[in-house]
Each structure stands twice: as structure tokens, then as C-alpha cells.
């Protein structure tokens, strides 16, 4: 179970790190040019950057506390935070009828919940 939790946490950390790293330096124009980021149009750029920063923090929180054995209780909290982020993403995509994106977010939500349960 521990190895599985590490693998899932590593996969989630990589995905959220990439996703957050794409959002933090983005401009409104660059987001509008990306066809997969249509959901971002009604949101202020500050909120999008905040979501990106939360994804980066969550990615680091999935791995570093447990790996360094410094406050390992932060790892399940990071997983819960990422799960909450994915819940918001599911709602956003469902409202826009972007069901394939909502399905991907649902899988990421389930994986984040798995890591949270495994690490609590």
C-alpha cells in the first residue's frame, strides 16, 4: 500500500506541478490562445494564478514533507487541498459542458482522495 501511495502521489505531484507552472506565469492573452483553457475566460487572471500557485504548493506538499520526514502530516492535507481544487474544476467544466475535462478532473480527485486516505 505504501509503494502504491508513493507512486500515485508522485504522479499527481508531476501533473499538478506542470499544471500550476503553466498557470502562474500566464497572461490573459496566452490563456485565451490556448484552446484547452477556455474555462479561464470569465475568471480574473489573479484567481487563475492563485489556482496555479495552489497546485504547485499541493504538488510539493504531496512529496516533500513525507520524503524529508518534516511535518509528514502535511502530505494528506495537501492531498485534501488538491481534491478540493479538483472538485472546483469538475464544477467549472460541467457548467461549461466540457465533460471530458470534468472526467479527467474526477479521476484526479479520486487519486487525491486515495493519497489522503492512505497517508492519514
N, C-alpha and C. Protein backbone atom coordinates (compact mmCIF):
# COMPACT_ATOMS: atom_id res chain seq x y z
N UNK A 1 0.83 -1.20 0.00
CA UNK A 1 0.00 0.00 0.00
C UNK A 1 0.87 1.26 0.00
N UNK A 2 1.97 1.23 0.76
CA UNK A 2 2.85 2.39 0.84
C UNK A 2 3.47 2.71 -0.52
N UNK A 3 3.90 1.67 -1.23
CA UNK A 3 4.51 1.88 -2.55
C UNK A 3 3.48 2.46 -3.52
N UNK A 4 2.27 1.94 -3.48
CA UNK A 4 1.20 2.44 -4.34
C UNK A 4 0.91 3.90 -4.03
N UNK A 5 0.87 4.25 -2.75
CA UNK A 5 0.61 5.64 -2.36
C UNK A 5 1.73 6.55 -2.86
N UNK A 6 2.97 6.09 -2.79
CA UNK A 6 4.09 6.89 -3.30
C UNK A 6 3.99 7.08 -4.81
N UNK A 7 3.63 6.03 -5.52
CA UNK A 7 3.52 6.12 -6.99
C UNK A 7 2.41 7.09 -7.37
N UNK A 8 1.26 6.95 -6.74
CA UNK A 8 0.13 7.83 -7.05
C UNK A 8 0.47 9.27 -6.66
N UNK A 9 1.09 9.46 -5.50
CA UNK A 9 1.47 10.81 -5.07
C UNK A 9 2.48 11.42 -6.04
N UNK A 10 3.42 10.63 -6.51
CA UNK A 10 4.41 11.14 -7.47
C UNK A 10 3.77 11.53 -8.78
N UNK A 11 2.84 10.70 -9.26
CA UNK A 11 2.13 11.01 -10.50
C UNK A 11 1.31 12.29 -10.35
N UNK A 12 0.57 12.40 -9.25
CA UNK A 12 -0.21 13.60 -9.01
C UNK A 12 0.68 14.83 -8.88
N UNK A 13 1.80 14.68 -8.16
CA UNK A 13 2.70 15.81 -7.98
C UNK A 13 3.22 16.30 -9.33
N UNK A 14 3.60 15.38 -10.20
CA UNK A 14 4.10 15.78 -11.52
C UNK A 14 3.02 16.50 -12.33
N UNK A 15 1.81 15.96 -12.32
CA UNK A 15 0.72 16.57 -13.08
C UNK A 15 0.36 17.96 -12.55
N UNK A 16 0.25 18.08 -11.23
CA UNK A 16 -0.13 19.37 -10.66
C UNK A 16 1.00 20.39 -10.76
N UNK A 17 2.23 19.93 -10.69
CA UNK A 17 3.36 20.84 -10.85
C UNK A 17 3.38 21.42 -12.26
N UNK A 18 3.15 20.57 -13.25
CA UNK A 18 3.10 21.06 -14.64
C UNK A 18 1.92 22.00 -14.85
N UNK A 19 0.77 21.62 -14.32
CA UNK A 19 -0.42 22.44 -14.49
C UNK A 19 -0.26 23.80 -13.82
N UNK A 20 0.25 23.81 -12.62
CA UNK A 20 0.47 25.06 -11.91
C UNK A 20 1.53 25.92 -12.56
N UNK A 21 2.60 25.28 -13.04
CA UNK A 21 3.68 26.03 -13.69
C UNK A 21 3.21 26.66 -14.99
N UNK A 22 2.17 26.12 -15.59
CA UNK A 22 1.62 26.71 -16.80
C UNK A 22 0.75 27.93 -16.46
N UNK A 23 0.07 27.88 -15.32
CA UNK A 23 -0.87 28.94 -14.97
C UNK A 23 -0.20 30.16 -14.33
N UNK A 24 0.80 29.95 -13.51
CA UNK A 24 1.38 31.06 -12.75
C UNK A 24 1.97 32.16 -13.65
N UNK A 25 2.77 31.83 -14.65
CA UNK A 25 3.33 32.92 -15.48
C UNK A 25 2.41 33.37 -16.62
N UNK A 26 1.25 32.78 -16.74
CA UNK A 26 0.37 33.03 -17.88
C UNK A 26 -0.21 34.44 -17.85
N UNK A 27 -0.49 34.93 -19.04
CA UNK A 27 -1.22 36.18 -19.19
C UNK A 27 -2.62 35.83 -19.69
N UNK A 28 -3.52 36.77 -19.61
CA UNK A 28 -4.89 36.53 -20.08
C UNK A 28 -4.87 36.20 -21.57
N UNK A 29 -4.01 36.87 -22.33
CA UNK A 29 -3.93 36.63 -23.78
C UNK A 29 -3.41 35.22 -24.08
N UNK A 30 -2.41 34.79 -23.33
CA UNK A 30 -1.87 33.44 -23.60
C UNK A 30 -2.88 32.36 -23.23
N UNK A 31 -3.67 32.60 -22.21
CA UNK A 31 -4.71 31.63 -21.84
C UNK A 31 -5.81 31.59 -22.90
N UNK A 32 -6.17 32.76 -23.43
CA UNK A 32 -7.21 32.82 -24.46
C UNK A 32 -6.76 32.11 -25.73
N UNK A 33 -5.46 32.12 -26.00
CA UNK A 33 -4.93 31.49 -27.22
C UNK A 33 -4.89 29.97 -27.10
N UNK A 34 -4.93 29.45 -25.88
CA UNK A 34 -4.86 28.01 -25.66
C UNK A 34 -6.28 27.44 -25.69
N UNK A 35 -6.59 26.56 -26.65
CA UNK A 35 -7.97 26.04 -26.75
C UNK A 35 -8.40 25.20 -25.55
N UNK A 36 -7.47 24.63 -24.82
CA UNK A 36 -7.82 23.81 -23.65
C UNK A 36 -8.06 24.66 -22.40
N UNK A 37 -7.85 25.96 -22.51
CA UNK A 37 -8.01 26.84 -21.34
C UNK A 37 -9.20 27.78 -21.51
N UNK A 38 -10.18 27.39 -22.29
CA UNK A 38 -11.36 28.21 -22.50
C UNK A 38 -12.10 28.51 -21.21
N UNK A 39 -12.00 27.61 -20.24
CA UNK A 39 -12.68 27.81 -18.96
C UNK A 39 -12.18 29.06 -18.25
N UNK A 40 -10.97 29.51 -18.57
CA UNK A 40 -10.36 30.61 -17.83
C UNK A 40 -10.91 31.98 -18.22
N UNK A 41 -11.61 32.06 -19.33
CA UNK A 41 -12.05 33.36 -19.85
C UNK A 41 -12.83 34.21 -18.83
N UNK A 42 -13.81 33.66 -18.11
CA UNK A 42 -14.58 34.53 -17.20
C UNK A 42 -13.88 34.82 -15.87
N UNK A 43 -12.76 34.18 -15.62
CA UNK A 43 -12.09 34.35 -14.32
C UNK A 43 -11.00 35.41 -14.40
N UNK A 44 -10.81 36.17 -13.33
CA UNK A 44 -9.71 37.15 -13.33
C UNK A 44 -8.36 36.43 -13.32
N UNK A 45 -7.37 37.04 -13.93
CA UNK A 45 -6.05 36.42 -14.05
C UNK A 45 -5.44 36.17 -12.67
N UNK A 46 -5.76 37.01 -11.71
CA UNK A 46 -5.23 36.81 -10.36
C UNK A 46 -5.72 35.50 -9.77
N UNK A 47 -6.99 35.17 -9.99
CA UNK A 47 -7.54 33.91 -9.48
C UNK A 47 -6.88 32.72 -10.18
N UNK A 48 -6.64 32.83 -11.47
CA UNK A 48 -6.00 31.74 -12.21
C UNK A 48 -4.59 31.52 -11.69
N UNK A 49 -3.86 32.62 -11.44
CA UNK A 49 -2.51 32.49 -10.89
C UNK A 49 -2.55 31.90 -9.48
N UNK A 50 -3.56 32.25 -8.70
CA UNK A 50 -3.71 31.69 -7.36
C UNK A 50 -3.98 30.19 -7.43
N UNK A 51 -4.81 29.77 -8.37
CA UNK A 51 -5.06 28.34 -8.56
C UNK A 51 -3.76 27.64 -8.94
N UNK A 52 -2.99 28.24 -9.84
CA UNK A 52 -1.70 27.66 -10.23
C UNK A 52 -0.74 27.55 -9.06
N UNK A 53 -0.68 28.58 -8.23
CA UNK A 53 0.19 28.55 -7.06
C UNK A 53 -0.26 27.47 -6.07
N UNK A 54 -1.58 27.32 -5.91
CA UNK A 54 -2.10 26.27 -5.03
C UNK A 54 -1.76 24.89 -5.56
N UNK A 55 -1.79 24.73 -6.88
CA UNK A 55 -1.43 23.43 -7.48
C UNK A 55 0.05 23.13 -7.26
N UNK A 56 0.90 24.13 -7.40
CA UNK A 56 2.33 23.93 -7.16
C UNK A 56 2.58 23.59 -5.69
N UNK A 57 1.95 24.34 -4.79
CA UNK A 57 2.12 24.08 -3.36
C UNK A 57 1.61 22.68 -3.01
N UNK A 58 0.48 22.30 -3.59
CA UNK A 58 -0.06 20.96 -3.34
C UNK A 58 0.86 19.87 -3.86
N UNK A 59 1.44 20.09 -5.04
CA UNK A 59 2.37 19.11 -5.61
C UNK A 59 3.58 18.92 -4.71
N UNK A 60 4.13 20.02 -4.23
CA UNK A 60 5.28 19.93 -3.33
C UNK A 60 4.87 19.30 -2.00
N UNK A 61 3.66 19.62 -1.54
CA UNK A 61 3.17 19.06 -0.28
C UNK A 61 2.89 17.58 -0.33
N UNK A 62 2.63 17.05 -1.52
CA UNK A 62 2.41 15.60 -1.64
C UNK A 62 3.69 14.81 -1.42
N UNK A 63 4.82 15.39 -1.77
CA UNK A 63 6.08 14.64 -1.76
C UNK A 63 7.03 15.05 -0.64
N UNK A 64 7.32 16.34 -0.54
CA UNK A 64 8.42 16.79 0.33
C UNK A 64 8.24 16.49 1.81
N UNK A 65 7.10 16.77 2.43
CA UNK A 65 7.01 16.52 3.88
C UNK A 65 7.27 15.06 4.24
N UNK A 66 6.70 14.16 3.48
CA UNK A 66 6.87 12.74 3.78
C UNK A 66 8.27 12.26 3.42
N UNK A 67 8.80 12.73 2.29
CA UNK A 67 10.13 12.29 1.86
C UNK A 67 11.22 12.79 2.80
N UNK A 68 11.07 14.01 3.30
CA UNK A 68 12.07 14.59 4.19
C UNK A 68 11.78 14.31 5.67
N UNK A 69 10.64 13.70 5.94
CA UNK A 69 10.19 13.42 7.30
C UNK A 69 10.15 14.68 8.16
N UNK A 70 9.69 15.77 7.54
CA UNK A 70 9.49 17.03 8.23
C UNK A 70 8.01 17.35 8.12
N UNK A 71 7.31 17.27 9.21
CA UNK A 71 5.87 17.51 9.25
C UNK A 71 5.13 16.65 8.23
N UNK A 72 5.27 15.32 8.31
CA UNK A 72 4.62 14.45 7.32
C UNK A 72 3.09 14.53 7.34
N UNK A 73 2.52 15.12 8.38
CA UNK A 73 1.06 15.31 8.43
C UNK A 73 0.59 16.30 7.37
N UNK A 74 1.52 17.04 6.76
CA UNK A 74 1.13 17.97 5.70
C UNK A 74 0.77 17.26 4.40
N UNK A 75 1.29 16.05 4.20
CA UNK A 75 1.03 15.33 2.95
C UNK A 75 -0.46 15.03 2.75
N UNK A 76 -1.16 14.45 3.72
CA UNK A 76 -2.59 14.23 3.48
C UNK A 76 -3.37 15.54 3.38
N UNK A 77 -2.93 16.58 4.06
CA UNK A 77 -3.61 17.87 3.93
C UNK A 77 -3.43 18.44 2.53
N UNK A 78 -2.25 18.26 1.95
CA UNK A 78 -2.02 18.70 0.58
C UNK A 78 -2.93 17.92 -0.38
N UNK A 79 -3.08 16.63 -0.13
CA UNK A 79 -3.96 15.81 -0.97
C UNK A 79 -5.41 16.28 -0.86
N UNK A 80 -5.84 16.62 0.34
CA UNK A 80 -7.21 17.12 0.53
C UNK A 80 -7.38 18.45 -0.20
N UNK A 81 -6.38 19.32 -0.11
CA UNK A 81 -6.45 20.60 -0.82
C UNK A 81 -6.53 20.42 -2.33
N UNK A 82 -5.75 19.48 -2.86
CA UNK A 82 -5.81 19.21 -4.30
C UNK A 82 -7.15 18.59 -4.69
N UNK A 83 -7.70 17.76 -3.81
CA UNK A 83 -9.02 17.18 -4.08
C UNK A 83 -10.07 18.29 -4.14
N UNK A 84 -9.98 19.25 -3.24
CA UNK A 84 -10.92 20.38 -3.26
C UNK A 84 -10.76 21.20 -4.53
N UNK A 85 -9.52 21.38 -4.97
CA UNK A 85 -9.26 22.09 -6.22
C UNK A 85 -9.91 21.35 -7.39
N UNK A 86 -9.81 20.03 -7.39
CA UNK A 86 -10.40 19.24 -8.47
C UNK A 86 -11.92 19.27 -8.41
N UNK A 87 -12.48 19.35 -7.23
CA UNK A 87 -13.94 19.49 -7.12
C UNK A 87 -14.40 20.78 -7.78
N UNK A 88 -13.67 21.86 -7.54
CA UNK A 88 -13.98 23.12 -8.20
C UNK A 88 -13.81 23.03 -9.70
N UNK A 89 -12.78 22.31 -10.14
CA UNK A 89 -12.55 22.15 -11.58
C UNK A 89 -13.68 21.34 -12.23
N UNK A 90 -14.14 20.31 -11.54
CA UNK A 90 -15.25 19.50 -12.07
C UNK A 90 -16.50 20.36 -12.24
N UNK A 91 -16.79 21.16 -11.24
CA UNK A 91 -17.97 22.03 -11.31
C UNK A 91 -17.83 23.02 -12.46
N UNK A 92 -16.66 23.63 -12.59
CA UNK A 92 -16.43 24.60 -13.65
C UNK A 92 -16.60 23.97 -15.03
N UNK A 93 -15.98 22.80 -15.23
CA UNK A 93 -16.07 22.14 -16.54
C UNK A 93 -17.48 21.63 -16.82
N UNK A 94 -18.16 21.13 -15.81
CA UNK A 94 -19.53 20.64 -16.02
C UNK A 94 -20.46 21.78 -16.40
N UNK A 95 -20.30 22.93 -15.79
CA UNK A 95 -21.13 24.09 -16.14
C UNK A 95 -20.91 24.53 -17.58
N UNK A 96 -19.71 24.29 -18.09
CA UNK A 96 -19.39 24.67 -19.47
C UNK A 96 -19.61 23.51 -20.44
N UNK A 97 -20.18 22.42 -19.97
CA UNK A 97 -20.43 21.20 -20.77
C UNK A 97 -19.15 20.62 -21.34
N UNK A 98 -18.06 20.76 -20.62
CA UNK A 98 -16.77 20.18 -21.01
C UNK A 98 -16.60 18.86 -20.24
N UNK A 99 -17.41 17.89 -20.61
CA UNK A 99 -17.48 16.65 -19.84
C UNK A 99 -16.20 15.81 -19.90
N UNK A 100 -15.46 15.76 -21.00
CA UNK A 100 -14.19 15.02 -20.96
C UNK A 100 -13.21 15.62 -19.95
N UNK A 101 -13.15 16.95 -19.87
CA UNK A 101 -12.28 17.59 -18.88
C UNK A 101 -12.77 17.32 -17.46
N UNK A 102 -14.08 17.33 -17.27
CA UNK A 102 -14.63 17.03 -15.95
C UNK A 102 -14.32 15.59 -15.54
N UNK A 103 -14.32 14.68 -16.51
CA UNK A 103 -13.99 13.28 -16.21
C UNK A 103 -12.53 13.14 -15.79
N UNK A 104 -11.65 13.84 -16.47
CA UNK A 104 -10.23 13.81 -16.09
C UNK A 104 -10.06 14.35 -14.69
N UNK A 105 -10.74 15.45 -14.39
CA UNK A 105 -10.66 16.02 -13.05
C UNK A 105 -11.23 15.08 -12.00
N UNK A 106 -12.26 14.31 -12.36
CA UNK A 106 -12.84 13.34 -11.42
C UNK A 106 -11.83 12.24 -11.11
N UNK A 107 -11.07 11.81 -12.10
CA UNK A 107 -10.03 10.80 -11.86
C UNK A 107 -8.95 11.37 -10.94
N UNK A 108 -8.54 12.61 -11.20
CA UNK A 108 -7.53 13.24 -10.34
C UNK A 108 -8.07 13.43 -8.92
N UNK A 109 -9.35 13.76 -8.80
CA UNK A 109 -9.98 13.86 -7.49
C UNK A 109 -9.91 12.53 -6.75
N UNK A 110 -10.25 11.45 -7.44
CA UNK A 110 -10.23 10.13 -6.81
C UNK A 110 -8.81 9.75 -6.38
N UNK A 111 -7.83 10.07 -7.21
CA UNK A 111 -6.44 9.76 -6.85
C UNK A 111 -5.97 10.58 -5.66
N UNK A 112 -6.38 11.85 -5.60
CA UNK A 112 -6.02 12.69 -4.46
C UNK A 112 -6.67 12.18 -3.18
N UNK A 113 -7.91 11.75 -3.27
CA UNK A 113 -8.59 11.18 -2.09
C UNK A 113 -7.90 9.90 -1.66
N UNK A 114 -7.46 9.08 -2.62
CA UNK A 114 -6.72 7.86 -2.28
C UNK A 114 -5.46 8.21 -1.49
N UNK A 115 -4.70 9.20 -1.96
CA UNK A 115 -3.47 9.58 -1.26
C UNK A 115 -3.80 10.12 0.13
N UNK A 116 -4.84 10.92 0.23
CA UNK A 116 -5.22 11.46 1.54
C UNK A 116 -5.57 10.34 2.52
N UNK A 117 -6.35 9.38 2.07
CA UNK A 117 -6.74 8.27 2.95
C UNK A 117 -5.54 7.41 3.30
N UNK A 118 -4.69 7.15 2.33
CA UNK A 118 -3.51 6.31 2.57
C UNK A 118 -2.53 6.96 3.52
N UNK A 119 -2.47 8.28 3.52
CA UNK A 119 -1.47 8.99 4.34
C UNK A 119 -2.00 9.47 5.68
N UNK A 120 -3.32 9.46 5.90
CA UNK A 120 -3.84 9.88 7.21
C UNK A 120 -3.57 8.82 8.24
